[in-house]
Amino acid sequence: MRKLAASFRARIPSAPRLVNAPRIRSWKTKDEQGLPIPGVNILVRDTHLSRLGEHYQNTLRDDLMYMTYVHESKARPPPREPRHMFDPEDPYSKHRKNPYVGGSQLHKKPPPVSTPENVVKLEKICLHSMQKNALVNRSNLLGTIAAFRAISGETEHGGGWKSSEGVQLVRGRKNVSGWVRPNLPIGVKVELKGEKMYEFLGSLVQFVLPRLREFEGVVLPPASANLATPAGVSGVVSMGIPPEAMGFFPQIEVNQDAYPRITRQGLYYQASNFHLLADNLIDMGFCIMRPKLDYIELIILMQKKEESK
């Protein structure tokens, strides 16, 4: 029995013994702040799934494809080459601006073929705000910058991502007497994409818009509006919320005194507008409030149907 146990121990390899303990390397520190920097690049990723993001992927995406699908039985003919104002081969106009006949052709191009890859989706949300008091003192922008960082969660190179620009300053471009000077900070802006975009949209739809008393909804241009506009070409929809709406965000409602001098906030969201009803469908899918006139017209239409019966 002892021989069997000894032979069994001999088969098990012994753990290596460390003669010298590993040397602990000191972290490199920043020259300005003196904070430790880890030896590896740390990237902070998403910790949970976004409810609105999953709603789009699982439910809304299929419905949008069904509602905007246009069947084409034959292949499309090759696009016609637009004619320029001047002859491109003419030496006099070869290196000059040569616009197309009839103006811009961007809004006249047909939409691409309906495929699962180009379904209407929300691409980005941009928040922007102008602070008039910043013309007198630049420190008046600190409250707006802190508020935008709180509600968006974006910081410069946040989470180790170099593509994250964070909250940016908006500077003046022209010289207006008594109003704006070039390169003078007058406001802030931040762009949201991906999961943070859906998180902000969820807070806006669930906590802010339902608590506004005089908010009449997002008014979109009618179907007869000119398509040579940002809303008609690229699906950009702009809206504004009053200063008191900033206090309805959960991140700011906890401690509103920490964010002084908050002014009116504007935001616009951009959708991949491959269809004329893209903006309306995006609004309905994400429960963005519509004008009250739409509901009144819907009630009148239902009453007429009941009377006809």
C-alpha atoms as a PDB file:
ATOM      1  CA  MET A   1       0.000   0.000   0.000  1.00  0.00           C
ATOM      2  CA  ARG A   2       2.843   2.356   0.842  1.00  0.00           C
ATOM      3  CA  LYS A   3       4.583   1.537  -2.440  1.00  0.00           C
ATOM      4  CA  LEU A   4       1.372   2.303  -4.360  1.00  0.00           C
ATOM      5  CA  ALA A   5       1.008   5.676  -2.605  1.00  0.00           C
ATOM      6  CA  ALA A   6       4.663   6.534  -3.261  1.00  0.00           C
ATOM      7  CA  SER A   7       4.336   5.688  -6.959  1.00  0.00           C
ATOM      8  CA  PHE A   8       1.170   7.821  -7.180  1.00  0.00           C
ATOM      9  CA  ARG A   9       2.948  10.813  -5.622  1.00  0.00           C
ATOM     10  CA  ALA A  10       5.810  10.410  -8.066  1.00  0.00           C
ATOM     11  CA  ARG A  11       3.453  10.773 -11.021  1.00  0.00           C
ATOM     12  CA  ILE A  12       2.066  14.117  -9.760  1.00  0.00           C
ATOM     13  CA  PRO A  13       4.348  16.959 -10.874  1.00  0.00           C
ATOM     14  CA  SER A  14       5.452  19.189  -8.049  1.00  0.00           C
ATOM     15  CA  ALA A  15       4.551  22.867  -8.141  1.00  0.00           C
ATOM     16  CA  PRO A  16       7.443  25.130  -9.099  1.00  0.00           C
ATOM     17  CA  ARG A  17       8.915  27.115  -6.275  1.00  0.00           C
ATOM     18  CA  LEU A  18       9.633  30.801  -6.684  1.00  0.00           C
ATOM     19  CA  VAL A  19      13.084  31.562  -5.501  1.00  0.00           C
ATOM     20  CA  ASN A  20      12.717  35.338  -5.853  1.00  0.00           C
ATOM     21  CA  ALA A  21       9.449  37.280  -5.602  1.00  0.00           C
ATOM     22  CA  PRO A  22       8.378  39.104  -8.784  1.00  0.00           C
ATOM     23  CA  ARG A  23       9.478  42.698  -8.912  1.00  0.00           C
ATOM     24  CA  ILE A  24       6.661  45.205  -8.519  1.00  0.00           C
ATOM     25  CA  ARG A  25       7.025  47.848 -11.150  1.00  0.00           C
ATOM     26  CA  SER A  26       6.164  51.402 -10.249  1.00  0.00           C
ATOM     27  CA  TRP A  27       3.440  53.041 -12.319  1.00  0.00           C
ATOM     28  CA  LYS A  28       4.268  55.952 -14.511  1.00  0.00           C
ATOM     29  CA  THR A  29       2.663  59.193 -13.369  1.00  0.00           C
ATOM     30  CA  LYS A  30       1.390  62.156 -15.271  1.00  0.00           C
ATOM     31  CA  ASP A  31       3.533  65.218 -15.265  1.00  0.00           C
ATOM     32  CA  GLU A  32       0.683  67.656 -14.602  1.00  0.00           C
ATOM     33  CA  GLN A  33      -1.666  65.854 -12.201  1.00  0.00           C
ATOM     34  CA  GLY A  34       0.555  63.119 -10.794  1.00  0.00           C
ATOM     35  CA  LEU A  35      -2.101  60.411 -11.098  1.00  0.00           C
ATOM     36  CA  PRO A  36      -1.037  56.775 -11.691  1.00  0.00           C
ATOM     37  CA  ILE A  37      -1.410  55.390 -15.203  1.00  0.00           C
ATOM     38  CA  PRO A  38      -1.925  51.618 -15.612  1.00  0.00           C
ATOM     39  CA  GLY A  39       0.451  49.762 -17.872  1.00  0.00           C
ATOM     40  CA  VAL A  40      -2.344  48.575 -20.176  1.00  0.00           C
ATOM     41  CA  ASN A  41      -5.040  50.392 -22.117  1.00  0.00           C
ATOM     42  CA  ILE A  42      -8.331  50.001 -20.235  1.00  0.00           C
ATOM     43  CA  LEU A  43     -11.566  50.337 -22.235  1.00  0.00           C
ATOM     44  CA  VAL A  44     -14.855  50.674 -20.373  1.00  0.00           C
ATOM     45  CA  ARG A  45     -17.610  48.895 -22.304  1.00  0.00           C
ATOM     46  CA  ASP A  46     -21.370  48.661 -21.869  1.00  0.00           C
ATOM     47  CA  THR A  47     -22.421  47.128 -18.570  1.00  0.00           C
ATOM     48  CA  HIS A  48     -26.055  46.467 -19.496  1.00  0.00           C
ATOM     49  CA  LEU A  49     -28.399  46.419 -22.462  1.00  0.00           C
ATOM     50  CA  SER A  50     -30.343  49.518 -23.408  1.00  0.00           C
ATOM     51  CA  ARG A  51     -34.103  49.056 -23.273  1.00  0.00           C
ATOM     52  CA  LEU A  52     -34.828  51.293 -26.271  1.00  0.00           C
ATOM     53  CA  GLY A  53     -31.908  49.814 -28.193  1.00  0.00           C
ATOM     54  CA  GLU A  54     -33.269  46.308 -27.701  1.00  0.00           C
ATOM     55  CA  HIS A  55     -36.759  47.561 -28.550  1.00  0.00           C
ATOM     56  CA  TYR A  56     -35.478  48.824 -31.901  1.00  0.00           C
ATOM     57  CA  GLN A  57     -33.532  45.657 -32.710  1.00  0.00           C
ATOM     58  CA  ASN A  58     -36.261  43.192 -31.715  1.00  0.00           C
ATOM     59  CA  THR A  59     -39.524  44.987 -32.538  1.00  0.00           C
ATOM     60  CA  LEU A  60     -39.274  48.365 -34.197  1.00  0.00           C
ATOM     61  CA  ARG A  61     -36.730  47.432 -36.873  1.00  0.00           C
ATOM     62  CA  ASP A  62     -38.952  44.775 -38.454  1.00  0.00           C
ATOM     63  CA  ASP A  63     -41.994  47.055 -38.368  1.00  0.00           C
ATOM     64  CA  LEU A  64     -40.095  49.918 -40.000  1.00  0.00           C
ATOM     65  CA  MET A  65     -38.885  47.659 -42.787  1.00  0.00           C
ATOM     66  CA  TYR A  66     -42.445  46.447 -43.416  1.00  0.00           C
ATOM     67  CA  MET A  67     -43.889  49.986 -43.463  1.00  0.00           C
ATOM     68  CA  THR A  68     -41.213  51.525 -45.705  1.00  0.00           C
ATOM     69  CA  TYR A  69     -40.633  48.615 -48.090  1.00  0.00           C
ATOM     70  CA  VAL A  70     -41.040  49.418 -51.780  1.00  0.00           C
ATOM     71  CA  HIS A  71     -41.061  46.399 -54.079  1.00  0.00           C
ATOM     72  CA  GLU A  72     -39.152  46.689 -57.354  1.00  0.00           C
ATOM     73  CA  SER A  73     -39.526  43.799 -59.780  1.00  0.00           C
ATOM     74  CA  LYS A  74     -36.900  45.011 -62.242  1.00  0.00           C
ATOM     75  CA  ALA A  75     -33.411  46.360 -61.889  1.00  0.00           C
ATOM     76  CA  ARG A  76     -33.049  50.110 -61.857  1.00  0.00           C
ATOM     77  CA  PRO A  77     -31.644  51.851 -64.919  1.00  0.00           C
ATOM     78  CA  PRO A  78     -28.261  53.517 -64.511  1.00  0.00           C
ATOM     79  CA  PRO A  79     -28.524  57.033 -63.076  1.00  0.00           C
ATOM     80  CA  ARG A  80     -28.462  59.902 -65.524  1.00  0.00           C
ATOM     81  CA  GLU A  81     -25.359  62.040 -65.446  1.00  0.00           C
ATOM     82  CA  PRO A  82     -26.409  65.593 -64.472  1.00  0.00           C
ATOM     83  CA  ARG A  83     -25.414  68.399 -66.805  1.00  0.00           C
ATOM     84  CA  HIS A  84     -23.100  71.151 -65.607  1.00  0.00           C
ATOM     85  CA  MET A  85     -23.576  74.849 -66.201  1.00  0.00           C
ATOM     86  CA  PHE A  86     -20.306  75.103 -68.114  1.00  0.00           C
ATOM     87  CA  ASP A  87     -18.297  72.714 -70.225  1.00  0.00           C
ATOM     88  CA  PRO A  88     -15.928  70.757 -67.930  1.00  0.00           C
ATOM     89  CA  GLU A  89     -13.384  70.494 -70.753  1.00  0.00           C
ATOM     90  CA  ASP A  90     -13.234  74.244 -71.262  1.00  0.00           C
ATOM     91  CA  PRO A  91      -9.884  75.552 -69.938  1.00  0.00           C
ATOM     92  CA  TYR A  92     -11.598  78.673 -68.626  1.00  0.00           C
ATOM     93  CA  SER A  93     -13.995  76.694 -66.365  1.00  0.00           C
ATOM     94  CA  LYS A  94     -11.860  73.614 -65.701  1.00  0.00           C
ATOM     95  CA  HIS A  95     -10.729  74.634 -62.211  1.00  0.00           C
ATOM     96  CA  ARG A  96     -13.707  76.855 -61.352  1.00  0.00           C
ATOM     97  CA  LYS A  97     -16.947  76.144 -59.559  1.00  0.00           C
ATOM     98  CA  ASN A  98     -19.232  74.376 -61.995  1.00  0.00           C
ATOM     99  CA  PRO A  99     -22.706  73.815 -60.468  1.00  0.00           C
ATOM    100  CA  TYR A 100     -25.355  71.542 -61.926  1.00  0.00           C
ATOM    101  CA  VAL A 101     -28.217  72.828 -64.031  1.00  0.00           C
ATOM    102  CA  GLY A 102     -31.297  73.220 -61.852  1.00  0.00           C
ATOM    103  CA  GLY A 103     -29.452  73.595 -58.559  1.00  0.00           C
ATOM    104  CA  SER A 104     -28.606  70.908 -56.033  1.00  0.00           C
ATOM    105  CA  GLN A 105     -29.545  67.358 -56.992  1.00  0.00           C
ATOM    106  CA  LEU A 106     -29.304  65.934 -53.474  1.00  0.00           C
ATOM    107  CA  HIS A 107     -33.033  65.932 -52.724  1.00  0.00           C
ATOM    108  CA  LYS A 108     -33.885  64.710 -56.248  1.00  0.00           C
ATOM    109  CA  LYS A 109     -32.002  61.434 -56.027  1.00  0.00           C
ATOM    110  CA  PRO A 110     -34.221  58.357 -55.608  1.00  0.00           C
ATOM    111  CA  PRO A 111     -33.911  56.429 -52.349  1.00  0.00           C
ATOM    112  CA  PRO A 112     -31.809  53.270 -52.384  1.00  0.00           C
ATOM    113  CA  VAL A 113     -33.333  49.839 -52.864  1.00  0.00           C
ATOM    114  CA  SER A 114     -35.143  48.572 -49.762  1.00  0.00           C
ATOM    115  CA  THR A 115     -32.928  45.984 -48.064  1.00  0.00           C
ATOM    116  CA  PRO A 116     -32.526  44.783 -44.458  1.00  0.00           C
ATOM    117  CA  GLU A 117     -29.262  46.745 -44.267  1.00  0.00           C
ATOM    118  CA  ASN A 118     -30.735  50.227 -44.853  1.00  0.00           C
ATOM    119  CA  VAL A 119     -33.768  50.158 -42.572  1.00  0.00           C
ATOM    120  CA  VAL A 120     -34.656  53.518 -41.040  1.00  0.00           C
ATOM    121  CA  LYS A 121     -32.778  53.982 -37.777  1.00  0.00           C
ATOM    122  CA  LEU A 122     -31.762  56.687 -35.351  1.00  0.00           C
ATOM    123  CA  GLU A 123     -28.137  57.634 -35.965  1.00  0.00           C
ATOM    124  CA  LYS A 124     -27.274  60.352 -33.438  1.00  0.00           C
ATOM    125  CA  ILE A 125     -28.653  62.976 -31.071  1.00  0.00           C
ATOM    126  CA  CYS A 126     -26.960  66.350 -30.645  1.00  0.00           C
ATOM    127  CA  LEU A 127     -27.588  68.580 -27.617  1.00  0.00           C
ATOM    128  CA  HIS A 128     -26.675  72.243 -27.788  1.00  0.00           C
ATOM    129  CA  SER A 129     -27.252  75.294 -25.638  1.00  0.00           C
ATOM    130  CA  MET A 130     -26.235  78.952 -25.804  1.00  0.00           C
ATOM    131  CA  GLN A 131     -25.375  80.943 -22.680  1.00  0.00           C
ATOM    132  CA  LYS A 132     -25.775  84.700 -23.147  1.00  0.00           C
ATOM    133  CA  ASN A 133     -24.013  85.413 -19.874  1.00  0.00           C
ATOM    134  CA  ALA A 134     -20.885  83.762 -21.287  1.00  0.00           C
ATOM    135  CA  LEU A 135     -20.328  86.864 -23.406  1.00  0.00           C
ATOM    136  CA  VAL A 136     -19.547  88.740 -20.185  1.00  0.00           C
ATOM    137  CA  ASN A 137     -17.842  85.991 -18.177  1.00  0.00           C
ATOM    138  CA  ARG A 138     -16.729  82.615 -19.504  1.00  0.00           C
ATOM    139  CA  SER A 139     -17.176  80.957 -16.114  1.00  0.00           C
ATOM    140  CA  ASN A 140     -20.947  81.108 -16.633  1.00  0.00           C
ATOM    141  CA  LEU A 141     -20.585  78.112 -18.959  1.00  0.00           C
ATOM    142  CA  LEU A 142     -19.428  75.807 -16.154  1.00  0.00           C
ATOM    143  CA  GLY A 143     -22.956  75.005 -14.968  1.00  0.00           C
ATOM    144  CA  THR A 144     -24.130  74.115 -18.475  1.00  0.00           C
ATOM    145  CA  ILE A 145     -21.033  71.993 -19.131  1.00  0.00           C
ATOM    146  CA  ALA A 146     -21.542  70.063 -15.880  1.00  0.00           C
ATOM    147  CA  ALA A 147     -25.236  69.545 -16.668  1.00  0.00           C
ATOM    148  CA  PHE A 148     -24.480  68.239 -20.163  1.00  0.00           C
ATOM    149  CA  ARG A 149     -21.876  65.852 -18.770  1.00  0.00           C
ATOM    150  CA  ALA A 150     -24.371  64.549 -16.229  1.00  0.00           C
ATOM    151  CA  ILE A 151     -27.284  63.900 -18.594  1.00  0.00           C
ATOM    152  CA  SER A 152     -25.171  62.565 -21.476  1.00  0.00           C
ATOM    153  CA  GLY A 153     -22.428  60.673 -19.627  1.00  0.00           C
ATOM    154  CA  GLU A 154     -19.899  61.855 -22.225  1.00  0.00           C
ATOM    155  CA  THR A 155     -16.431  63.101 -21.296  1.00  0.00           C
ATOM    156  CA  GLU A 156     -13.334  63.690 -23.374  1.00  0.00           C
ATOM    157  CA  HIS A 157     -11.686  60.293 -24.011  1.00  0.00           C
ATOM    158  CA  GLY A 158     -14.091  58.822 -21.461  1.00  0.00           C
ATOM    159  CA  GLY A 159     -13.652  55.136 -20.712  1.00  0.00           C
ATOM    160  CA  GLY A 160     -10.383  55.049 -22.638  1.00  0.00           C
ATOM    161  CA  TRP A 161     -12.084  55.680 -25.995  1.00  0.00           C
ATOM    162  CA  LYS A 162     -10.154  58.211 -28.041  1.00  0.00           C
ATOM    163  CA  SER A 163     -13.151  58.734 -30.323  1.00  0.00           C
ATOM    164  CA  SER A 164     -15.162  60.204 -27.432  1.00  0.00           C
ATOM    165  CA  GLU A 165     -15.067  63.992 -27.799  1.00  0.00           C
ATOM    166  CA  GLY A 166     -17.219  64.802 -24.771  1.00  0.00           C
ATOM    167  CA  VAL A 167     -18.844  68.192 -24.245  1.00  0.00           C
ATOM    168  CA  GLN A 168     -17.433  70.728 -26.710  1.00  0.00           C
ATOM    169  CA  LEU A 169     -17.403  74.500 -26.621  1.00  0.00           C
ATOM    170  CA  VAL A 170     -19.194  76.419 -29.367  1.00  0.00           C
ATOM    171  CA  ARG A 171     -17.247  79.513 -30.398  1.00  0.00           C
ATOM    172  CA  GLY A 172     -18.312  82.512 -32.402  1.00  0.00           C
ATOM    173  CA  ARG A 173     -17.356  82.678 -36.071  1.00  0.00           C
ATOM    174  CA  LYS A 174     -18.300  86.211 -37.081  1.00  0.00           C
ATOM    175  CA  ASN A 175     -17.821  89.623 -35.569  1.00  0.00           C
ATOM    176  CA  VAL A 176     -21.183  91.153 -34.646  1.00  0.00           C
ATOM    177  CA  SER A 177     -20.926  94.503 -32.923  1.00  0.00           C
ATOM    178  CA  GLY A 178     -22.059  94.246 -29.315  1.00  0.00           C
ATOM    179  CA  TRP A 179     -23.007  90.591 -29.629  1.00  0.00           C
ATOM    180  CA  VAL A 180     -20.441  88.015 -30.813  1.00  0.00           C
ATOM    181  CA  ARG A 181     -16.742  88.109 -31.483  1.00  0.00           C
ATOM    182  CA  PRO A 182     -14.697  85.490 -33.349  1.00  0.00           C
ATOM    183  CA  ASN A 183     -13.333  82.606 -31.269  1.00  0.00           C
ATOM    184  CA  LEU A 184     -15.395  83.627 -28.225  1.00  0.00           C
ATOM    185  CA  PRO A 185     -17.083  80.694 -26.366  1.00  0.00           C
ATOM    186  CA  ILE A 186     -20.824  81.270 -26.349  1.00  0.00           C
ATOM    187  CA  GLY A 187     -22.292  77.785 -25.831  1.00  0.00           C
ATOM    188  CA  VAL A 188     -21.739  74.048 -25.531  1.00  0.00           C
ATOM    189  CA  LYS A 189     -22.761  70.965 -27.493  1.00  0.00           C
ATOM    190  CA  VAL A 190     -22.413  67.195 -27.250  1.00  0.00           C
ATOM    191  CA  GLU A 191     -23.152  64.375 -29.700  1.00  0.00           C
ATOM    192  CA  LEU A 192     -24.574  61.048 -28.548  1.00  0.00           C
ATOM    193  CA  LYS A 193     -24.362  57.803 -30.481  1.00  0.00           C
ATOM    194  CA  GLY A 194     -24.931  54.145 -29.715  1.00  0.00           C
ATOM    195  CA  GLU A 195     -26.122  53.000 -26.302  1.00  0.00           C
ATOM    196  CA  LYS A 196     -25.728  56.408 -24.626  1.00  0.00           C
ATOM    197  CA  MET A 197     -28.001  57.882 -27.266  1.00  0.00           C
ATOM    198  CA  TYR A 198     -30.750  55.409 -26.377  1.00  0.00           C
ATOM    199  CA  GLU A 199     -30.197  55.990 -22.646  1.00  0.00           C
ATOM    200  CA  PHE A 200     -30.665  59.734 -23.070  1.00  0.00           C
ATOM    201  CA  LEU A 201     -33.722  59.220 -25.279  1.00  0.00           C
ATOM    202  CA  GLY A 202     -35.245  56.947 -22.647  1.00  0.00           C
ATOM    203  CA  SER A 203     -34.759  59.569 -19.914  1.00  0.00           C
ATOM    204  CA  LEU A 204     -36.196  62.269 -22.177  1.00  0.00           C
ATOM    205  CA  VAL A 205     -39.310  60.282 -23.101  1.00  0.00           C
ATOM    206  CA  GLN A 206     -40.021  58.791 -19.667  1.00  0.00           C
ATOM    207  CA  PHE A 207     -39.085  61.553 -17.201  1.00  0.00           C
ATOM    208  CA  VAL A 208     -38.920  64.919 -18.992  1.00  0.00           C
ATOM    209  CA  LEU A 209     -41.543  65.217 -21.742  1.00  0.00           C
ATOM    210  CA  PRO A 210     -44.511  63.819 -19.736  1.00  0.00           C
ATOM    211  CA  ARG A 211     -43.866  66.368 -16.941  1.00  0.00           C
ATOM    212  CA  LEU A 212     -43.860  69.453 -19.164  1.00  0.00           C
ATOM    213  CA  ARG A 213     -47.076  71.426 -18.836  1.00  0.00           C
ATOM    214  CA  GLU A 214     -47.097  73.424 -22.070  1.00  0.00           C
ATOM    215  CA  PHE A 215     -45.248  71.059 -24.376  1.00  0.00           C
ATOM    216  CA  GLU A 216     -47.315  70.590 -27.534  1.00  0.00           C
ATOM    217  CA  GLY A 217     -45.197  67.905 -29.137  1.00  0.00           C
ATOM    218  CA  VAL A 218     -42.640  67.780 -31.920  1.00  0.00           C
ATOM    219  CA  VAL A 219     -43.967  69.540 -35.010  1.00  0.00           C
ATOM    220  CA  LEU A 220     -42.656  67.971 -38.203  1.00  0.00           C
ATOM    221  CA  PRO A 221     -42.817  69.537 -41.673  1.00  0.00           C
ATOM    222  CA  PRO A 222     -45.829  68.459 -43.750  1.00  0.00           C
ATOM    223  CA  ALA A 223     -45.583  66.171 -46.753  1.00  0.00           C
ATOM    224  CA  SER A 224     -45.868  69.175 -49.078  1.00  0.00           C
ATOM    225  CA  ALA A 225     -42.784  70.875 -47.598  1.00  0.00           C
ATOM    226  CA  ASN A 226     -39.675  71.486 -49.667  1.00  0.00           C
ATOM    227  CA  LEU A 227     -37.337  68.493 -49.596  1.00  0.00           C
ATOM    228  CA  ALA A 228     -34.217  70.640 -50.065  1.00  0.00           C
ATOM    229  CA  THR A 229     -33.901  71.012 -46.287  1.00  0.00           C
ATOM    230  CA  PRO A 230     -31.959  69.094 -43.618  1.00  0.00           C
ATOM    231  CA  ALA A 231     -35.228  67.533 -42.420  1.00  0.00           C
ATOM    232  CA  GLY A 232     -36.144  66.360 -45.923  1.00  0.00           C
ATOM    233  CA  VAL A 233     -32.733  65.127 -47.069  1.00  0.00           C
ATOM    234  CA  SER A 234     -31.072  63.608 -44.014  1.00  0.00           C
ATOM    235  CA  GLY A 235     -33.942  63.182 -41.554  1.00  0.00           C
ATOM    236  CA  VAL A 236     -32.876  65.905 -39.091  1.00  0.00           C
ATOM    237  CA  VAL A 237     -35.599  66.943 -36.639  1.00  0.00           C
ATOM    238  CA  SER A 238     -34.944  69.860 -34.260  1.00  0.00           C
ATOM    239  CA  MET A 239     -36.775  70.679 -31.054  1.00  0.00           C
ATOM    240  CA  GLY A 240     -36.204  72.752 -27.936  1.00  0.00           C
ATOM    241  CA  ILE A 241     -37.063  72.334 -24.263  1.00  0.00           C
ATOM    242  CA  PRO A 242     -37.352  75.121 -21.667  1.00  0.00           C
ATOM    243  CA  PRO A 243     -34.807  75.647 -18.850  1.00  0.00           C
ATOM    244  CA  GLU A 244     -37.068  74.092 -16.200  1.00  0.00           C
ATOM    245  CA  ALA A 245     -37.060  70.825 -18.163  1.00  0.00           C
ATOM    246  CA  MET A 246     -33.387  70.312 -17.336  1.00  0.00           C
ATOM    247  CA  GLY A 247     -34.361  69.772 -13.707  1.00  0.00           C
ATOM    248  CA  PHE A 248     -36.560  66.815 -14.660  1.00  0.00           C
ATOM    249  CA  PHE A 249     -33.622  64.632 -15.706  1.00  0.00           C
ATOM    250  CA  PRO A 250     -32.855  62.107 -12.936  1.00  0.00           C
ATOM    251  CA  GLN A 251     -29.154  62.982 -12.997  1.00  0.00           C
ATOM    252  CA  ILE A 252     -29.881  66.654 -12.239  1.00  0.00           C
ATOM    253  CA  GLU A 253     -33.029  66.315 -10.131  1.00  0.00           C
ATOM    254  CA  VAL A 254     -30.997  64.760  -7.312  1.00  0.00           C
ATOM    255  CA  ASN A 255     -29.019  67.979  -6.743  1.00  0.00           C
ATOM    256  CA  GLN A 256     -30.214  70.914  -8.825  1.00  0.00           C
ATOM    257  CA  ASP A 257     -28.190  73.445  -6.828  1.00  0.00           C
ATOM    258  CA  ALA A 258     -24.980  71.985  -8.265  1.00  0.00           C
ATOM    259  CA  TYR A 259     -25.917  73.162 -11.765  1.00  0.00           C
ATOM    260  CA  PRO A 260     -26.491  76.944 -11.723  1.00  0.00           C
ATOM    261  CA  ARG A 261     -27.357  79.175 -14.664  1.00  0.00           C
ATOM    262  CA  ILE A 262     -28.981  76.507 -16.848  1.00  0.00           C
ATOM    263  CA  THR A 263     -30.610  78.007 -19.937  1.00  0.00           C
ATOM    264  CA  ARG A 264     -32.877  76.707 -22.675  1.00  0.00           C
ATOM    265  CA  GLN A 265     -31.641  73.527 -24.325  1.00  0.00           C
ATOM    266  CA  GLY A 266     -31.995  72.593 -27.965  1.00  0.00           C
ATOM    267  CA  LEU A 267     -31.567  69.152 -29.454  1.00  0.00           C
ATOM    268  CA  TYR A 268     -31.885  67.553 -32.831  1.00  0.00           C
ATOM    269  CA  TYR A 269     -31.920  63.889 -33.740  1.00  0.00           C
ATOM    270  CA  GLN A 270     -30.889  62.548 -37.106  1.00  0.00           C
ATOM    271  CA  ALA A 271     -32.422  59.480 -38.712  1.00  0.00           C
ATOM    272  CA  SER A 272     -31.371  57.681 -41.860  1.00  0.00           C
ATOM    273  CA  ASN A 273     -34.181  59.176 -43.925  1.00  0.00           C
ATOM    274  CA  PHE A 274     -34.641  56.746 -46.823  1.00  0.00           C
ATOM    275  CA  HIS A 275     -38.398  57.326 -46.823  1.00  0.00           C
ATOM    276  CA  LEU A 276     -40.680  60.344 -46.550  1.00  0.00           C
ATOM    277  CA  LEU A 277     -42.325  58.922 -43.415  1.00  0.00           C
ATOM    278  CA  ALA A 278     -39.045  58.145 -41.644  1.00  0.00           C
ATOM    279  CA  ASP A 279     -39.326  60.950 -39.089  1.00  0.00           C
ATOM    280  CA  ASN A 280     -42.947  60.133 -38.270  1.00  0.00           C
ATOM    281  CA  LEU A 281     -42.186  56.446 -37.850  1.00  0.00           C
ATOM    282  CA  ILE A 282     -39.177  57.122 -35.619  1.00  0.00           C
ATOM    283  CA  ASP A 283     -41.282  59.396 -33.417  1.00  0.00           C
ATOM    284  CA  MET A 284     -44.073  56.848 -33.074  1.00  0.00           C
ATOM    285  CA  GLY A 285     -41.676  53.966 -32.430  1.00  0.00           C
ATOM    286  CA  PHE A 286     -39.806  55.716 -29.605  1.00  0.00           C
ATOM    287  CA  CYS A 287     -42.975  57.316 -28.137  1.00  0.00           C
ATOM    288  CA  ILE A 288     -41.895  60.901 -28.808  1.00  0.00           C
ATOM    289  CA  MET A 289     -44.901  63.118 -28.167  1.00  0.00           C
ATOM    290  CA  ARG A 290     -46.814  64.420 -31.158  1.00  0.00           C
ATOM    291  CA  PRO A 291     -48.822  67.669 -31.410  1.00  0.00           C
ATOM    292  CA  LYS A 292     -52.254  67.712 -29.819  1.00  0.00           C
ATOM    293  CA  LEU A 293     -53.832  68.555 -33.167  1.00  0.00           C
ATOM    294  CA  ASP A 294     -53.083  65.037 -34.397  1.00  0.00           C
ATOM    295  CA  TYR A 295     -55.071  63.493 -31.543  1.00  0.00           C
ATOM    296  CA  ILE A 296     -57.986  65.909 -32.097  1.00  0.00           C
ATOM    297  CA  GLU A 297     -58.122  65.021 -35.789  1.00  0.00           C
ATOM    298  CA  LEU A 298     -58.001  61.326 -34.866  1.00  0.00           C
ATOM    299  CA  ILE A 299     -60.968  61.716 -32.500  1.00  0.00           C
ATOM    300  CA  ILE A 300     -62.970  63.600 -35.148  1.00  0.00           C
ATOM    301  CA  LEU A 301     -62.204  60.891 -37.698  1.00  0.00           C
ATOM    302  CA  MET A 302     -63.375  58.156 -35.302  1.00  0.00           C
ATOM    303  CA  GLN A 303     -66.603  60.068 -34.618  1.00  0.00           C
ATOM    304  CA  LYS A 304     -67.312  60.387 -38.345  1.00  0.00           C
ATOM    305  CA  LYS A 305     -66.838  56.636 -38.780  1.00  0.00           C
ATOM    306  CA  GLU A 306     -69.300  55.914 -35.978  1.00  0.00           C
ATOM    307  CA  GLU A 307     -71.858  58.302 -37.494  1.00  0.00           C
ATOM    308  CA  SER A 308     -71.530  56.658 -40.895  1.00  0.00           C
ATOM    309  CA  LYS A 309     -72.319  53.285 -39.364  1.00  0.00           C
END
